[in-house]
Amino acid sequence: MKLVEVTQQKDWDRAVSSVPHAPFTQSWDWGEFRVSLGQPVHRLALEHGGRHIAAGQIIHYPKRFFGGYWYAPRGPVIANDHASEASEILREFTRLIRLQGYAERGFFLRIEPPLSTAVLPLLPEGFVRAQAYMPASTLVVDLMKSEDALLSAMHEKTRYNIRLASKKGVTVREGSERDLDVFLRLHEETAARDQFRPLSSEYLRETFRFLHPRGMAHLRLAECGGHTLAASMEIRYADTVTYLHGASSSSQRNIMAPYALHWEAIRAARASGILFYDFHGINPSDAASPYYKTAWEGITRFKLGFGGERVEYTGTWELPRRPFAYRILRILSRTHL
């Protein structure tokens, strides 16, 4: 096996998108978005027998201390027919990254392989479990089913709320850049109501403006009586639409606009040939998991009401280049890096 840097988009996306439910954060265009923010990117593939059996896009996050770190969000991906060798492949992948100097400017490498705990019971020696950055668990709806089958798989209360929103006159449409201000206002309102730190408006604008012309980022808005009551930013990549960011108004919550928003997003994705709708983050099934968040209990119940399959990944892991400095920093740090 050898590690190579991939320089052609078609070669890279062929390798990443060959995996079912391919992660958009490993796509070429997501990497280009990060480059536009001033973050260097390496797209590295492990070759064996003339084909790429693993691919990891690692992004440099520069910091004032120790040169920052490298991060493969929801990566590296491993070819389906080599999933049983995941531990050995990750060991070789990370060994060659270090040997060939790709992570020299960072004091640790963070990975989040899109593999379940059942597939990957053990990571290569030296990795340390870290707090989640990409969600460790998610809910994925299989869009190869009929609309009737999708509705049947939902909780009865979810079906009722979808019908109620329709009866109350909620309509859903795809938005454009002109709707960004409305989406951002709702995002701020949601953060204040639900007591979380909102993403910066500048970052969300840049996400949409960079990725929308490339066919990846899309806005969706649920409206009633001339008011926008719920909105989302979706990411489309390969076979999956991901509900990346969502927001809702504190007014008229009794007409259930978020239910209409998701149902119409599911219908639109299915009609366009997409195979999976990813709700992008729910709590693990085990409340004792280090990735379980009490604050996510309500949103988890809401999302689970739409049916689908709960997918639980192995989580976030970090490989320190300088273990002592890494331990000191972790002791001092109480926020995400």
Protein backbone atom coordinates (compact mmCIF):
# COMPACT_ATOMS: atom_id res chain seq x y z
CA MET A 1 0.00 0.00 0.00
CA LYS A 2 1.11 3.54 -0.71
CA LEU A 3 -0.22 6.99 0.15
CA VAL A 4 -0.75 9.42 -2.75
CA GLU A 5 -2.01 12.99 -2.95
CA VAL A 6 -4.96 13.28 -5.34
CA THR A 7 -4.94 16.43 -7.48
CA GLN A 8 -7.89 15.88 -9.83
CA GLN A 9 -11.47 16.49 -8.67
CA LYS A 10 -12.98 13.68 -10.73
CA ASP A 11 -10.56 11.13 -9.24
CA TRP A 12 -11.18 12.37 -5.71
CA ASP A 13 -14.96 12.50 -5.84
CA ARG A 14 -15.06 9.11 -7.57
CA ALA A 15 -13.26 7.59 -4.58
CA VAL A 16 -15.32 9.37 -1.91
CA SER A 17 -18.74 9.10 -3.55
CA SER A 18 -18.34 5.36 -4.14
CA VAL A 19 -19.17 4.87 -0.46
CA PRO A 20 -22.94 4.76 0.25
CA HIS A 21 -24.13 7.81 2.20
CA ALA A 22 -20.90 9.61 1.27
CA PRO A 23 -19.89 12.41 3.69
CA PHE A 24 -20.05 15.86 2.11
CA THR A 25 -17.19 17.06 4.33
CA GLN A 26 -14.87 14.77 2.37
CA SER A 27 -15.99 16.14 -1.01
CA TRP A 28 -13.66 18.13 -3.25
CA ASP A 29 -15.88 21.21 -3.11
CA TRP A 30 -16.02 21.21 0.69
CA GLY A 31 -12.23 21.15 0.68
CA GLU A 32 -12.17 24.08 -1.75
CA PHE A 33 -14.52 25.97 0.56
CA ARG A 34 -12.10 25.48 3.44
CA VAL A 35 -9.22 26.62 1.23
CA SER A 36 -11.21 29.80 0.51
CA LEU A 37 -11.24 30.41 4.27
CA GLY A 38 -7.44 30.21 4.36
CA GLN A 39 -7.10 26.57 5.46
CA PRO A 40 -4.66 24.35 3.55
CA VAL A 41 -6.00 20.95 2.49
CA HIS A 42 -4.38 17.62 1.60
CA ARG A 43 -6.44 15.00 -0.25
CA LEU A 44 -4.77 11.70 0.49
CA ALA A 45 -5.66 8.25 -0.81
CA LEU A 46 -4.33 4.86 0.17
CA GLU A 47 -3.65 2.85 -2.98
CA HIS A 48 -3.66 -0.92 -3.11
CA GLY A 49 -3.88 -3.11 -6.16
CA GLY A 50 -4.23 -0.12 -8.46
CA ARG A 51 -7.26 1.41 -6.69
CA HIS A 52 -8.02 3.76 -3.82
CA ILE A 53 -9.18 1.73 -0.82
CA ALA A 54 -9.28 4.72 1.56
CA ALA A 55 -9.42 8.48 1.12
CA GLY A 56 -9.04 11.24 3.66
CA GLN A 57 -9.27 14.99 3.11
CA ILE A 58 -7.32 16.57 5.96
CA ILE A 59 -7.77 20.26 6.66
CA HIS A 60 -5.29 22.42 8.55
CA TYR A 61 -6.72 24.53 11.37
CA PRO A 62 -3.99 27.07 12.19
CA LYS A 63 -3.71 28.18 15.82
CA ARG A 64 -1.34 30.38 17.77
CA PHE A 65 0.10 27.39 19.62
CA PHE A 66 2.03 24.38 18.31
CA GLY A 67 1.11 25.05 14.68
CA GLY A 68 -2.58 24.16 15.01
CA TYR A 69 -3.90 20.75 13.99
CA TRP A 70 -5.11 18.66 11.03
CA TYR A 71 -8.67 17.38 10.84
CA ALA A 72 -10.43 14.88 8.56
CA PRO A 73 -14.14 15.66 9.17
CA ARG A 74 -16.09 12.40 8.85
CA GLY A 75 -13.04 10.83 7.33
CA PRO A 76 -11.15 9.00 6.11
CA VAL A 77 -13.66 6.97 4.12
CA ILE A 78 -12.88 3.31 3.49
CA ALA A 79 -14.07 1.31 0.50
CA ASN A 80 -17.00 -0.96 1.34
CA ASP A 81 -15.19 -4.13 0.34
CA HIS A 82 -12.36 -3.29 2.76
CA ALA A 83 -14.50 -2.28 5.77
CA SER A 84 -13.52 -5.43 7.67
CA GLU A 85 -9.90 -4.27 7.48
CA ALA A 86 -10.69 -0.79 8.80
CA SER A 87 -8.33 -0.87 11.77
CA GLU A 88 -5.37 -2.04 9.68
CA ILE A 89 -6.13 0.49 6.94
CA LEU A 90 -6.37 3.37 9.42
CA ARG A 91 -3.11 2.30 11.02
CA GLU A 92 -1.35 2.34 7.66
CA PHE A 93 -3.05 5.55 6.57
CA THR A 94 -2.01 7.49 9.67
CA ARG A 95 1.47 5.93 9.69
CA LEU A 96 2.11 7.12 6.15
CA ILE A 97 0.68 10.59 6.87
CA ARG A 98 3.27 10.99 9.59
CA LEU A 99 6.08 9.31 7.66
CA GLN A 100 5.54 11.50 4.59
CA GLY A 101 5.21 14.68 6.65
CA TYR A 102 1.68 15.68 5.68
CA ALA A 103 0.74 16.66 9.24
CA GLU A 104 4.05 18.29 10.19
CA ARG A 105 2.56 21.70 10.99
CA GLY A 106 0.10 20.36 13.53
CA PHE A 107 0.47 18.94 17.01
CA PHE A 108 -2.33 16.40 16.51
CA LEU A 109 -4.37 14.72 13.79
CA ARG A 110 -8.14 14.38 14.31
CA ILE A 111 -10.18 11.76 12.44
CA GLU A 112 -13.85 10.75 12.40
CA PRO A 113 -14.10 7.68 10.17
CA PRO A 114 -17.70 7.08 9.01
CA LEU A 115 -17.69 3.58 10.44
CA SER A 116 -19.88 2.12 13.13
CA THR A 117 -18.57 0.92 16.46
CA ALA A 118 -19.54 -2.59 15.37
CA VAL A 119 -17.22 -2.36 12.34
CA LEU A 120 -14.41 -0.60 14.15
CA PRO A 121 -14.04 -1.86 17.73
CA LEU A 122 -10.42 -0.73 18.04
CA LEU A 123 -8.49 2.17 16.59
CA PRO A 124 -4.75 2.07 15.93
CA GLU A 125 -2.54 2.53 18.98
CA GLY A 126 -1.98 6.10 20.08
CA PHE A 127 -5.43 7.53 19.31
CA VAL A 128 -7.30 9.31 22.10
CA ARG A 129 -11.08 9.70 22.21
CA ALA A 130 -12.09 13.35 21.86
CA GLN A 131 -15.28 15.38 22.09
CA ALA A 132 -17.52 15.17 19.04
CA TYR A 133 -17.18 17.71 16.25
CA MET A 134 -19.26 16.07 13.55
CA PRO A 135 -22.19 14.35 15.30
CA ALA A 136 -21.34 10.85 16.50
CA SER A 137 -24.90 9.67 15.81
CA THR A 138 -27.38 10.60 13.15
CA LEU A 139 -30.70 9.59 11.61
CA VAL A 140 -30.79 8.57 7.94
CA VAL A 141 -34.00 8.12 5.95
CA ASP A 142 -33.90 5.69 3.03
CA LEU A 143 -35.50 7.52 0.09
CA MET A 144 -35.72 4.41 -2.06
CA LYS A 145 -39.04 3.71 -0.30
CA SER A 146 -42.35 5.06 -1.58
CA GLU A 147 -43.87 8.17 -0.01
CA ASP A 148 -46.57 6.01 1.56
CA ALA A 149 -43.93 3.75 3.07
CA LEU A 150 -41.99 6.74 4.38
CA LEU A 151 -45.11 8.14 6.04
CA SER A 152 -46.00 4.75 7.50
CA ALA A 153 -42.57 4.51 9.11
CA MET A 154 -43.05 7.81 10.95
CA HIS A 155 -44.43 8.23 14.44
CA GLU A 156 -48.17 8.86 14.27
CA LYS A 157 -47.72 12.27 15.93
CA THR A 158 -45.26 13.28 13.20
CA ARG A 159 -47.73 12.29 10.47
CA TYR A 160 -50.45 14.24 12.28
CA ASN A 161 -48.28 17.36 12.51
CA ILE A 162 -47.39 17.16 8.80
CA ARG A 163 -51.10 17.07 7.95
CA LEU A 164 -51.84 19.85 10.43
CA ALA A 165 -49.21 22.15 8.89
CA SER A 166 -50.73 21.57 5.46
CA LYS A 167 -54.24 22.22 6.77
CA LYS A 168 -53.07 25.47 8.38
CA GLY A 169 -51.69 26.68 5.05
CA VAL A 170 -47.94 26.16 5.50
CA THR A 171 -46.12 26.13 2.18
CA VAL A 172 -42.49 25.20 1.55
CA ARG A 173 -40.21 26.53 -1.16
CA GLU A 174 -36.54 26.44 -2.07
CA GLY A 175 -34.81 29.73 -1.33
CA SER A 176 -32.06 31.76 -2.94
CA GLU A 177 -29.35 34.17 -1.82
CA ARG A 178 -32.09 36.81 -1.38
CA ASP A 179 -33.46 34.69 1.48
CA LEU A 180 -30.19 34.52 3.42
CA ASP A 181 -31.08 37.42 5.71
CA VAL A 182 -34.35 35.73 6.72
CA PHE A 183 -32.53 32.45 7.39
CA LEU A 184 -29.83 34.21 9.45
CA ARG A 185 -32.41 36.10 11.51
CA LEU A 186 -34.19 32.85 12.33
CA HIS A 187 -30.86 31.19 13.17
CA GLU A 188 -30.11 33.94 15.72
CA GLU A 189 -33.64 33.70 17.13
CA THR A 190 -33.38 29.92 17.49
CA ALA A 191 -29.99 30.17 19.22
CA ALA A 192 -31.32 32.70 21.73
CA ARG A 193 -34.41 30.61 22.45
CA ASP A 194 -32.64 27.27 22.74
CA GLN A 195 -29.54 28.69 24.44
CA PHE A 196 -26.75 27.64 22.10
CA ARG A 197 -23.99 29.70 20.51
CA PRO A 198 -24.97 30.55 16.93
CA LEU A 199 -22.61 30.19 14.03
CA SER A 200 -21.43 33.53 12.72
CA SER A 201 -23.57 35.11 10.03
CA GLU A 202 -20.44 35.70 7.97
CA TYR A 203 -19.56 31.99 8.03
CA LEU A 204 -23.09 30.93 7.05
CA ARG A 205 -23.17 33.47 4.22
CA GLU A 206 -19.83 32.24 2.91
CA THR A 207 -20.97 28.61 3.14
CA PHE A 208 -23.99 29.32 0.96
CA ARG A 209 -22.29 31.70 -1.46
CA PHE A 210 -19.43 29.31 -2.12
CA LEU A 211 -21.34 26.02 -2.26
CA HIS A 212 -24.67 27.03 -3.82
CA PRO A 213 -23.21 27.78 -7.29
CA ARG A 214 -21.57 24.32 -7.12
CA GLY A 215 -24.94 22.68 -6.54
CA MET A 216 -24.25 21.73 -2.92
CA ALA A 217 -25.84 24.31 -0.59
CA HIS A 218 -29.58 24.98 -0.72
CA LEU A 219 -31.99 26.99 1.41
CA ARG A 220 -35.52 25.82 2.17
CA LEU A 221 -38.22 27.94 3.80
CA ALA A 222 -41.59 27.10 5.36
CA GLU A 223 -44.01 30.01 5.22
CA CYS A 224 -47.53 30.88 6.26
CA GLY A 225 -49.46 34.12 5.91
CA GLY A 226 -46.47 35.95 4.50
CA HIS A 227 -44.17 34.96 7.39
CA THR A 228 -41.20 32.59 7.31
CA LEU A 229 -41.66 30.21 10.25
CA ALA A 230 -38.87 27.69 9.64
CA ALA A 231 -35.83 27.43 7.38
CA SER A 232 -32.93 25.12 6.70
CA MET A 233 -29.64 24.96 4.85
CA GLU A 234 -29.20 21.60 3.11
CA ILE A 235 -26.09 20.13 1.57
CA ARG A 236 -26.41 17.81 -1.43
CA TYR A 237 -23.53 15.53 -2.25
CA ALA A 238 -23.44 12.23 -4.13
CA ASP A 239 -26.39 10.12 -2.92
CA THR A 240 -27.32 12.18 0.17
CA VAL A 241 -29.05 15.39 1.22
CA THR A 242 -27.94 16.53 4.67
CA TYR A 243 -29.97 18.86 6.88
CA LEU A 244 -26.96 20.92 7.95
CA HIS A 245 -28.44 23.95 9.72
CA GLY A 246 -32.00 24.63 10.79
CA ALA A 247 -33.94 27.46 12.38
CA SER A 248 -37.51 28.24 13.39
CA SER A 249 -39.56 31.19 14.59
CA SER A 250 -40.85 31.48 18.14
CA SER A 251 -44.20 32.62 16.78
CA GLN A 252 -47.04 30.42 15.49
CA ARG A 253 -45.32 27.29 16.69
CA ASN A 254 -48.71 25.57 16.95
CA ILE A 255 -48.96 25.23 13.16
CA MET A 256 -45.95 22.88 13.03
CA ALA A 257 -43.97 24.48 10.22
CA PRO A 258 -40.74 22.50 10.91
CA TYR A 259 -42.61 19.25 10.20
CA ALA A 260 -43.70 20.54 6.81
CA LEU A 261 -40.18 21.77 6.12
CA HIS A 262 -38.63 18.32 6.62
CA TRP A 263 -41.35 16.40 4.82
CA GLU A 264 -41.06 18.61 1.74
CA ALA A 265 -37.24 18.37 1.89
CA ILE A 266 -37.55 14.58 1.95
CA ARG A 267 -40.00 14.61 -0.95
CA ALA A 268 -37.86 16.97 -3.04
CA ALA A 269 -34.70 14.94 -2.42
CA ARG A 270 -36.46 11.71 -3.34
CA ALA A 271 -37.93 13.24 -6.51
CA SER A 272 -34.47 14.38 -7.62
CA GLY A 273 -33.02 10.86 -7.33
CA ILE A 274 -31.25 11.29 -3.99
CA LEU A 275 -31.10 8.05 -1.99
CA PHE A 276 -30.70 9.27 1.61
CA TYR A 277 -31.87 12.16 3.79
CA ASP A 278 -29.53 12.75 6.73
CA PHE A 279 -30.87 14.64 9.75
CA HIS A 280 -27.27 15.38 10.78
CA GLY A 281 -27.12 14.75 14.47
CA ILE A 282 -29.10 13.03 17.21
CA ASN A 283 -28.16 11.59 20.57
CA PRO A 284 -26.61 8.12 20.76
CA SER A 285 -29.03 5.41 21.86
CA ASP A 286 -26.95 4.83 25.01
CA ALA A 287 -27.36 7.68 27.49
CA ALA A 288 -24.03 6.65 29.04
CA SER A 289 -22.18 7.45 25.80
CA PRO A 290 -19.59 10.25 26.09
CA TYR A 291 -21.34 11.83 23.10
CA TYR A 292 -24.80 11.96 24.72
CA LYS A 293 -26.08 15.52 25.33
CA THR A 294 -29.03 16.26 27.58
CA ALA A 295 -29.66 19.42 25.56
CA TRP A 296 -30.23 17.28 22.46
CA GLU A 297 -33.03 15.16 23.92
CA GLY A 298 -35.83 17.29 22.48
CA ILE A 299 -34.39 17.60 18.97
CA THR A 300 -33.59 13.87 19.01
CA ARG A 301 -37.23 13.01 19.75
CA PHE A 302 -38.35 15.37 16.97
CA LYS A 303 -36.03 13.81 14.38
CA LEU A 304 -36.70 10.21 15.39
CA GLY A 305 -40.37 10.85 14.73
CA PHE A 306 -39.59 10.82 10.99
CA GLY A 307 -38.57 7.17 11.05
CA GLY A 308 -35.34 6.22 9.35
CA GLU A 309 -32.32 4.35 10.62
CA ARG A 310 -30.21 5.42 13.56
CA VAL A 311 -26.53 5.42 12.51
CA GLU A 312 -23.90 5.46 15.25
CA TYR A 313 -20.31 6.16 14.32
CA THR A 314 -17.15 5.35 16.18
CA GLY A 315 -16.80 9.02 17.13
CA THR A 316 -13.95 11.53 17.15
CA TRP A 317 -10.35 10.47 17.74
CA GLU A 318 -7.08 12.38 17.95
CA LEU A 319 -3.51 11.25 17.43
CA PRO A 320 -1.07 13.57 19.24
CA ARG A 321 2.31 14.26 17.66
CA ARG A 322 3.53 15.67 20.99
CA PRO A 323 1.68 13.77 23.72
CA PHE A 324 2.86 15.89 26.66
CA ALA A 325 1.90 19.19 24.99
CA TYR A 326 -1.39 17.63 23.92
CA ARG A 327 -2.26 16.60 27.51
CA ILE A 328 -1.41 20.06 28.86
CA LEU A 329 -3.52 21.77 26.24
CA ARG A 330 -6.48 19.48 26.91
CA ILE A 331 -6.27 20.28 30.61
CA LEU A 332 -6.24 24.00 29.90
CA SER A 333 -8.83 24.01 27.15
CA ARG A 334 -12.53 24.00 27.94
CA THR A 335 -13.75 24.88 24.43
CA HIS A 336 -13.60 23.32 20.99
CA LEU A 337 -10.37 23.83 19.13
